[in-house]
Amino acid sequence: MDHCSTCVVRNRAICAALGTDEVSLLGKMGRHHKLVAGQTLIWEGEDSLLVANVIDGILKLSTSMSDGREQIVGVVYPSDFIGRPFGSQTQYNVTALTDAHVCTFSSSDFDRFAREHPDLEHKLLERTLAELDRTRRWLLLLGRMTASEKIANFLIDMSERLIRPDCSFNGPANAFDLPFGRQQIADILGLTIETVSRRLNDFKAQGLIAVPSRRRIEILDRDGLETVAENASQ
């Protein structure tokens, strides 16, 4: 089955840099996997044996601390690329936060294909630099921002990245369903669930958002929410 021709993230994933024939060649190397929430795809410290495109679902990148605690260092969404090409060892765990669908490639096959196709290699460099920028913002979010700033940034980021893959509208969504609960949000942001709930209630009282159900978020005042994200005080 030609998965690439029907792939819903085809135009946003790393393979968007390739022509039709090249995508077909790459697609023959790929394998589709369904993950259930909590299942780990890549383990920290293991040999780098595979890379993957995320087709559906959300996964977390995490590392284990010396005392056994887990530190979440990033979140990946549909069309994101995961794994470590041109590397010998993986630096973090990749675990499904929700049920997920990924297209995996052998690292050695992908590395060879990328070297033979400069457009893909260039796209990979762009993605790597973008990921570096996101990592720097993540460090700022975890280390320097207040709880209000963290949650406001989180909601804005989700609104920009939780776009249906087959949607022709490229702007941020003002209404979306969170793919995970408040405890997971707290874990991602390094907060308690009580703090997450309080801040969401504060945003509701300020008219910034509406929460019509446990998972549903509606952004009513994007400018106001962005102001909180940039300069909040507790």
C-alpha atoms as a PDB file:
ATOM      1  CA  MET A   1       0.000   0.000   0.000  1.00  0.00           C
ATOM      2  CA  ASP A   2       1.340   3.457  -0.947  1.00  0.00           C
ATOM      3  CA  HIS A   3       1.054   5.198   2.400  1.00  0.00           C
ATOM      4  CA  CYS A   4       2.870   8.315   1.189  1.00  0.00           C
ATOM      5  CA  SER A   5       0.253   9.252  -1.401  1.00  0.00           C
ATOM      6  CA  THR A   6      -2.436   9.358   1.299  1.00  0.00           C
ATOM      7  CA  CYS A   7      -0.306  10.678   4.173  1.00  0.00           C
ATOM      8  CA  VAL A   8      -2.145  13.529   5.938  1.00  0.00           C
ATOM      9  CA  VAL A   9       1.108  15.256   6.982  1.00  0.00           C
ATOM     10  CA  ARG A  10       2.823  14.823   3.596  1.00  0.00           C
ATOM     11  CA  ASN A  11       2.980  18.579   2.891  1.00  0.00           C
ATOM     12  CA  ARG A  12       4.253  19.530   6.363  1.00  0.00           C
ATOM     13  CA  ALA A  13       6.642  16.703   7.233  1.00  0.00           C
ATOM     14  CA  ILE A  14      10.321  16.575   6.397  1.00  0.00           C
ATOM     15  CA  CYS A  15       9.614  14.668   3.174  1.00  0.00           C
ATOM     16  CA  ALA A  16       7.809  17.741   1.773  1.00  0.00           C
ATOM     17  CA  ALA A  17      11.200  18.705   0.339  1.00  0.00           C
ATOM     18  CA  LEU A  18      11.082  15.723  -2.021  1.00  0.00           C
ATOM     19  CA  GLY A  19       9.466  15.189  -5.394  1.00  0.00           C
ATOM     20  CA  THR A  20       6.884  12.510  -6.051  1.00  0.00           C
ATOM     21  CA  ASP A  21       9.361   9.873  -7.245  1.00  0.00           C
ATOM     22  CA  GLU A  22      11.713  10.555  -4.337  1.00  0.00           C
ATOM     23  CA  VAL A  23       8.861  10.319  -1.828  1.00  0.00           C
ATOM     24  CA  SER A  24       7.904   6.976  -3.330  1.00  0.00           C
ATOM     25  CA  LEU A  25      11.467   5.706  -2.859  1.00  0.00           C
ATOM     26  CA  LEU A  26      11.560   6.940   0.727  1.00  0.00           C
ATOM     27  CA  GLY A  27       8.127   5.468   1.395  1.00  0.00           C
ATOM     28  CA  LYS A  28       9.369   1.992   0.467  1.00  0.00           C
ATOM     29  CA  MET A  29      11.857   2.274   3.324  1.00  0.00           C
ATOM     30  CA  GLY A  30       9.245   3.309   5.881  1.00  0.00           C
ATOM     31  CA  ARG A  31       7.217   1.200   8.293  1.00  0.00           C
ATOM     32  CA  HIS A  32       4.016   2.335   9.967  1.00  0.00           C
ATOM     33  CA  HIS A  33       3.524   1.760  13.678  1.00  0.00           C
ATOM     34  CA  LYS A  34       0.609   2.431  16.001  1.00  0.00           C
ATOM     35  CA  LEU A  35       1.522   3.324  19.588  1.00  0.00           C
ATOM     36  CA  VAL A  36      -0.754   3.335  22.610  1.00  0.00           C
ATOM     37  CA  ALA A  37      -0.496   6.077  25.233  1.00  0.00           C
ATOM     38  CA  GLY A  38       2.448   5.332  27.519  1.00  0.00           C
ATOM     39  CA  GLN A  39       4.340   3.188  25.000  1.00  0.00           C
ATOM     40  CA  THR A  40       7.988   4.140  24.429  1.00  0.00           C
ATOM     41  CA  LEU A  41       9.290   4.182  20.857  1.00  0.00           C
ATOM     42  CA  ILE A  42      12.910   5.209  21.502  1.00  0.00           C
ATOM     43  CA  TRP A  43      14.909   4.673  24.706  1.00  0.00           C
ATOM     44  CA  GLU A  44      17.525   7.072  26.043  1.00  0.00           C
ATOM     45  CA  GLY A  45      21.090   5.796  25.790  1.00  0.00           C
ATOM     46  CA  GLU A  46      20.348   3.064  23.238  1.00  0.00           C
ATOM     47  CA  ASP A  47      21.937   2.818  19.810  1.00  0.00           C
ATOM     48  CA  SER A  48      20.254   5.154  17.332  1.00  0.00           C
ATOM     49  CA  LEU A  49      18.501   2.566  15.176  1.00  0.00           C
ATOM     50  CA  LEU A  50      15.464   4.446  13.876  1.00  0.00           C
ATOM     51  CA  VAL A  51      14.014   7.859  13.089  1.00  0.00           C
ATOM     52  CA  ALA A  52      10.379   8.687  12.460  1.00  0.00           C
ATOM     53  CA  ASN A  53       7.785  11.118  11.202  1.00  0.00           C
ATOM     54  CA  VAL A  54       4.819  11.671  13.512  1.00  0.00           C
ATOM     55  CA  ILE A  55       1.600  11.221  11.566  1.00  0.00           C
ATOM     56  CA  ASP A  56      -0.926  11.449  14.380  1.00  0.00           C
ATOM     57  CA  GLY A  57      -0.837  11.836  18.144  1.00  0.00           C
ATOM     58  CA  ILE A  58       1.496  13.582  20.566  1.00  0.00           C
ATOM     59  CA  LEU A  59       4.701  12.228  22.102  1.00  0.00           C
ATOM     60  CA  LYS A  60       7.027  13.480  24.810  1.00  0.00           C
ATOM     61  CA  LEU A  61      10.805  13.657  24.876  1.00  0.00           C
ATOM     62  CA  SER A  62      12.186  12.916  28.324  1.00  0.00           C
ATOM     63  CA  THR A  63      15.374  12.105  30.143  1.00  0.00           C
ATOM     64  CA  SER A  64      15.961  10.236  33.388  1.00  0.00           C
ATOM     65  CA  MET A  65      17.615  12.090  36.245  1.00  0.00           C
ATOM     66  CA  SER A  66      20.145  10.507  38.619  1.00  0.00           C
ATOM     67  CA  ASP A  67      17.526  10.156  41.378  1.00  0.00           C
ATOM     68  CA  GLY A  68      15.125   8.331  39.077  1.00  0.00           C
ATOM     69  CA  ARG A  69      12.844  11.266  38.325  1.00  0.00           C
ATOM     70  CA  GLU A  70      11.761  12.018  34.779  1.00  0.00           C
ATOM     71  CA  GLN A  71      12.369  15.410  33.167  1.00  0.00           C
ATOM     72  CA  ILE A  72      10.262  16.182  30.103  1.00  0.00           C
ATOM     73  CA  VAL A  73      12.426  18.152  27.666  1.00  0.00           C
ATOM     74  CA  GLY A  74       9.987  18.536  24.778  1.00  0.00           C
ATOM     75  CA  VAL A  75       6.720  17.581  23.118  1.00  0.00           C
ATOM     76  CA  VAL A  76       6.318  16.527  19.489  1.00  0.00           C
ATOM     77  CA  TYR A  77       3.233  16.829  17.311  1.00  0.00           C
ATOM     78  CA  PRO A  78       1.976  15.531  13.934  1.00  0.00           C
ATOM     79  CA  SER A  79       4.464  16.258  11.101  1.00  0.00           C
ATOM     80  CA  ASP A  80       7.387  16.525  13.555  1.00  0.00           C
ATOM     81  CA  PHE A  81      10.516  14.459  12.986  1.00  0.00           C
ATOM     82  CA  ILE A  82      11.947  12.406  15.853  1.00  0.00           C
ATOM     83  CA  GLY A  83      15.108  10.428  16.370  1.00  0.00           C
ATOM     84  CA  ARG A  84      18.781  11.162  15.823  1.00  0.00           C
ATOM     85  CA  PRO A  85      20.017  10.782  12.240  1.00  0.00           C
ATOM     86  CA  PHE A  86      23.784  10.752  11.717  1.00  0.00           C
ATOM     87  CA  GLY A  87      24.234   9.886  15.388  1.00  0.00           C
ATOM     88  CA  SER A  88      25.299   6.794  17.281  1.00  0.00           C
ATOM     89  CA  GLN A  89      23.169   7.059  20.430  1.00  0.00           C
ATOM     90  CA  THR A  90      19.803   8.515  21.371  1.00  0.00           C
ATOM     91  CA  GLN A  91      19.763  11.297  23.960  1.00  0.00           C
ATOM     92  CA  TYR A  92      16.214  10.969  25.302  1.00  0.00           C
ATOM     93  CA  ASN A  93      13.210   8.700  25.601  1.00  0.00           C
ATOM     94  CA  VAL A  94      10.387   9.154  23.086  1.00  0.00           C
ATOM     95  CA  THR A  95       7.071   8.080  24.613  1.00  0.00           C
ATOM     96  CA  ALA A  96       3.499   8.435  23.391  1.00  0.00           C
ATOM     97  CA  LEU A  97       1.417  10.844  25.497  1.00  0.00           C
ATOM     98  CA  THR A  98      -1.641   9.871  23.457  1.00  0.00           C
ATOM     99  CA  ASP A  99      -2.341   7.026  21.066  1.00  0.00           C
ATOM    100  CA  ALA A 100      -0.084   7.801  18.122  1.00  0.00           C
ATOM    101  CA  HIS A 101       0.745   6.798  14.564  1.00  0.00           C
ATOM    102  CA  VAL A 102       4.332   7.110  13.340  1.00  0.00           C
ATOM    103  CA  CYS A 103       6.228   6.271  10.167  1.00  0.00           C
ATOM    104  CA  THR A 104       9.658   4.883  11.088  1.00  0.00           C
ATOM    105  CA  PHE A 105      12.833   4.459   9.082  1.00  0.00           C
ATOM    106  CA  SER A 106      16.047   2.604   9.799  1.00  0.00           C
ATOM    107  CA  SER A 107      18.589   5.274  10.777  1.00  0.00           C
ATOM    108  CA  SER A 108      21.229   3.810   8.457  1.00  0.00           C
ATOM    109  CA  ASP A 109      18.821   3.725   5.484  1.00  0.00           C
ATOM    110  CA  PHE A 110      17.583   7.237   6.209  1.00  0.00           C
ATOM    111  CA  ASP A 111      21.138   8.607   6.603  1.00  0.00           C
ATOM    112  CA  ARG A 112      22.159   7.121   3.264  1.00  0.00           C
ATOM    113  CA  PHE A 113      19.024   8.430   1.540  1.00  0.00           C
ATOM    114  CA  ALA A 114      19.538  11.933   2.983  1.00  0.00           C
ATOM    115  CA  ARG A 115      23.132  12.063   1.734  1.00  0.00           C
ATOM    116  CA  GLU A 116      21.904  11.153  -1.740  1.00  0.00           C
ATOM    117  CA  HIS A 117      19.152  13.809  -1.690  1.00  0.00           C
ATOM    118  CA  PRO A 118      20.486  17.263  -0.748  1.00  0.00           C
ATOM    119  CA  ASP A 119      16.991  18.792  -0.561  1.00  0.00           C
ATOM    120  CA  LEU A 120      16.070  16.379   2.214  1.00  0.00           C
ATOM    121  CA  GLU A 121      19.379  16.984   3.974  1.00  0.00           C
ATOM    122  CA  HIS A 122      18.743  20.743   3.798  1.00  0.00           C
ATOM    123  CA  LYS A 123      15.226  20.275   5.190  1.00  0.00           C
ATOM    124  CA  LEU A 124      16.670  18.163   7.990  1.00  0.00           C
ATOM    125  CA  LEU A 125      19.094  20.977   8.851  1.00  0.00           C
ATOM    126  CA  GLU A 126      16.198  23.453   8.940  1.00  0.00           C
ATOM    127  CA  ARG A 127      14.245  21.164  11.263  1.00  0.00           C
ATOM    128  CA  THR A 128      17.296  20.679  13.488  1.00  0.00           C
ATOM    129  CA  LEU A 129      17.786  24.429  13.863  1.00  0.00           C
ATOM    130  CA  ALA A 130      14.073  24.921  14.543  1.00  0.00           C
ATOM    131  CA  GLU A 131      14.237  22.195  17.195  1.00  0.00           C
ATOM    132  CA  LEU A 132      17.230  23.937  18.758  1.00  0.00           C
ATOM    133  CA  ASP A 133      15.193  27.150  18.954  1.00  0.00           C
ATOM    134  CA  ARG A 134      12.288  25.262  20.546  1.00  0.00           C
ATOM    135  CA  THR A 135      14.633  23.652  23.058  1.00  0.00           C
ATOM    136  CA  ARG A 136      15.951  27.055  24.094  1.00  0.00           C
ATOM    137  CA  ARG A 137      12.407  28.363  24.531  1.00  0.00           C
ATOM    138  CA  TRP A 138      11.537  25.221  26.518  1.00  0.00           C
ATOM    139  CA  LEU A 139      14.456  25.839  28.879  1.00  0.00           C
ATOM    140  CA  LEU A 140      13.243  29.410  29.370  1.00  0.00           C
ATOM    141  CA  LEU A 141       9.696  28.185  29.972  1.00  0.00           C
ATOM    142  CA  LEU A 142      10.726  25.632  32.586  1.00  0.00           C
ATOM    143  CA  GLY A 143      13.396  27.650  34.306  1.00  0.00           C
ATOM    144  CA  ARG A 144      12.382  31.290  34.287  1.00  0.00           C
ATOM    145  CA  MET A 145       8.667  31.721  33.629  1.00  0.00           C
ATOM    146  CA  THR A 146       5.932  32.017  36.222  1.00  0.00           C
ATOM    147  CA  ALA A 147       3.090  29.494  36.295  1.00  0.00           C
ATOM    148  CA  SER A 148       0.816  31.945  34.461  1.00  0.00           C
ATOM    149  CA  GLU A 149       3.405  32.504  31.747  1.00  0.00           C
ATOM    150  CA  LYS A 150       3.996  28.774  31.362  1.00  0.00           C
ATOM    151  CA  ILE A 151       0.320  27.946  30.919  1.00  0.00           C
ATOM    152  CA  ALA A 152      -0.349  30.891  28.609  1.00  0.00           C
ATOM    153  CA  ASN A 153       2.599  29.889  26.418  1.00  0.00           C
ATOM    154  CA  PHE A 154       1.447  26.283  26.493  1.00  0.00           C
ATOM    155  CA  LEU A 155      -2.073  27.196  25.309  1.00  0.00           C
ATOM    156  CA  ILE A 156      -0.765  29.439  22.540  1.00  0.00           C
ATOM    157  CA  ASP A 157       1.642  26.747  21.373  1.00  0.00           C
ATOM    158  CA  MET A 158      -1.119  24.139  21.373  1.00  0.00           C
ATOM    159  CA  SER A 159      -3.410  26.425  19.374  1.00  0.00           C
ATOM    160  CA  GLU A 160      -0.701  26.818  16.744  1.00  0.00           C
ATOM    161  CA  ARG A 161       0.257  23.159  16.530  1.00  0.00           C
ATOM    162  CA  LEU A 162      -3.003  21.254  17.069  1.00  0.00           C
ATOM    163  CA  ILE A 163      -4.223  21.993  13.548  1.00  0.00           C
ATOM    164  CA  ARG A 164      -5.915  19.103  11.780  1.00  0.00           C
ATOM    165  CA  PRO A 165      -3.363  17.726   9.285  1.00  0.00           C
ATOM    166  CA  ASP A 166      -5.882  17.838   6.426  1.00  0.00           C
ATOM    167  CA  CYS A 167      -7.051  21.373   7.232  1.00  0.00           C
ATOM    168  CA  SER A 168      -6.376  24.013   4.560  1.00  0.00           C
ATOM    169  CA  PHE A 169      -6.370  26.812   7.154  1.00  0.00           C
ATOM    170  CA  ASN A 170      -2.794  27.549   8.190  1.00  0.00           C
ATOM    171  CA  GLY A 171      -3.412  29.975  11.055  1.00  0.00           C
ATOM    172  CA  PRO A 172      -3.759  29.178  14.767  1.00  0.00           C
ATOM    173  CA  ALA A 173      -6.948  27.609  16.080  1.00  0.00           C
ATOM    174  CA  ASN A 174      -8.976  29.586  18.609  1.00  0.00           C
ATOM    175  CA  ALA A 175     -10.798  26.434  19.731  1.00  0.00           C
ATOM    176  CA  PHE A 176      -9.241  23.006  20.206  1.00  0.00           C
ATOM    177  CA  ASP A 177      -9.406  19.855  22.312  1.00  0.00           C
ATOM    178  CA  LEU A 178      -6.449  19.138  24.558  1.00  0.00           C
ATOM    179  CA  PRO A 179      -5.134  15.628  23.824  1.00  0.00           C
ATOM    180  CA  PHE A 180      -4.283  14.999  27.471  1.00  0.00           C
ATOM    181  CA  GLY A 181      -5.491  15.882  30.940  1.00  0.00           C
ATOM    182  CA  ARG A 182      -4.440  18.474  33.495  1.00  0.00           C
ATOM    183  CA  GLN A 183      -2.137  16.108  35.343  1.00  0.00           C
ATOM    184  CA  GLN A 184      -0.157  15.557  32.149  1.00  0.00           C
ATOM    185  CA  ILE A 185      -0.086  19.315  31.515  1.00  0.00           C
ATOM    186  CA  ALA A 186       1.280  19.757  35.030  1.00  0.00           C
ATOM    187  CA  ASP A 187       3.945  17.107  34.415  1.00  0.00           C
ATOM    188  CA  ILE A 188       4.969  18.732  31.129  1.00  0.00           C
ATOM    189  CA  LEU A 189       5.254  22.208  32.644  1.00  0.00           C
ATOM    190  CA  GLY A 190       6.773  21.215  35.966  1.00  0.00           C
ATOM    191  CA  LEU A 191       3.739  22.379  37.967  1.00  0.00           C
ATOM    192  CA  THR A 192       1.155  20.793  40.237  1.00  0.00           C
ATOM    193  CA  ILE A 193      -2.300  19.917  38.961  1.00  0.00           C
ATOM    194  CA  GLU A 194      -3.762  22.362  41.499  1.00  0.00           C
ATOM    195  CA  THR A 195      -1.703  25.202  40.024  1.00  0.00           C
ATOM    196  CA  VAL A 196      -2.774  24.319  36.476  1.00  0.00           C
ATOM    197  CA  SER A 197      -6.443  24.323  37.505  1.00  0.00           C
ATOM    198  CA  ARG A 198      -6.114  27.628  39.384  1.00  0.00           C
ATOM    199  CA  ARG A 199      -4.423  29.388  36.492  1.00  0.00           C
ATOM    200  CA  LEU A 200      -6.965  28.129  33.974  1.00  0.00           C
ATOM    201  CA  ASN A 201      -9.723  29.409  36.254  1.00  0.00           C
ATOM    202  CA  ASP A 202      -7.905  32.761  36.475  1.00  0.00           C
ATOM    203  CA  PHE A 203      -7.762  32.986  32.687  1.00  0.00           C
ATOM    204  CA  LYS A 204     -11.485  32.186  32.523  1.00  0.00           C
ATOM    205  CA  ALA A 205     -12.294  34.903  35.056  1.00  0.00           C
ATOM    206  CA  GLN A 206     -10.219  37.397  33.050  1.00  0.00           C
ATOM    207  CA  GLY A 207     -12.130  36.570  29.854  1.00  0.00           C
ATOM    208  CA  LEU A 208      -9.041  35.217  28.110  1.00  0.00           C
ATOM    209  CA  ILE A 209     -10.365  31.701  27.555  1.00  0.00           C
ATOM    210  CA  ALA A 210     -13.474  29.581  27.912  1.00  0.00           C
ATOM    211  CA  VAL A 211     -13.390  25.937  29.042  1.00  0.00           C
ATOM    212  CA  PRO A 212     -16.736  24.457  27.980  1.00  0.00           C
ATOM    213  CA  SER A 213     -15.586  20.934  28.879  1.00  0.00           C
ATOM    214  CA  ARG A 214     -12.665  19.289  30.666  1.00  0.00           C
ATOM    215  CA  ARG A 215     -10.542  19.067  27.515  1.00  0.00           C
ATOM    216  CA  ARG A 216     -12.011  21.857  25.364  1.00  0.00           C
ATOM    217  CA  ILE A 217     -10.220  25.221  25.227  1.00  0.00           C
ATOM    218  CA  GLU A 218     -11.559  28.319  23.467  1.00  0.00           C
ATOM    219  CA  ILE A 219      -9.269  31.345  23.227  1.00  0.00           C
ATOM    220  CA  LEU A 220     -11.451  34.442  23.545  1.00  0.00           C
ATOM    221  CA  ASP A 221      -8.729  37.091  23.778  1.00  0.00           C
ATOM    222  CA  ARG A 222      -5.558  35.982  21.986  1.00  0.00           C
ATOM    223  CA  ASP A 223      -3.846  39.356  22.392  1.00  0.00           C
ATOM    224  CA  GLY A 224      -4.518  39.283  26.122  1.00  0.00           C
ATOM    225  CA  LEU A 225      -3.274  35.713  26.442  1.00  0.00           C
ATOM    226  CA  GLU A 226      -0.110  36.592  24.516  1.00  0.00           C
ATOM    227  CA  THR A 227       0.448  39.526  26.864  1.00  0.00           C
ATOM    228  CA  VAL A 228       0.263  37.146  29.836  1.00  0.00           C
ATOM    229  CA  ALA A 229       2.661  34.772  28.064  1.00  0.00           C
ATOM    230  CA  GLU A 230       5.202  37.535  27.571  1.00  0.00           C
ATOM    231  CA  ASN A 231       5.001  39.275  30.920  1.00  0.00           C
ATOM    232  CA  ALA A 232       2.921  37.692  33.678  1.00  0.00           C
ATOM    233  CA  SER A 233       3.137  38.081  37.389  1.00  0.00           C
ATOM    234  CA  GLN A 234       1.816  35.698  40.016  1.00  0.00           C
END
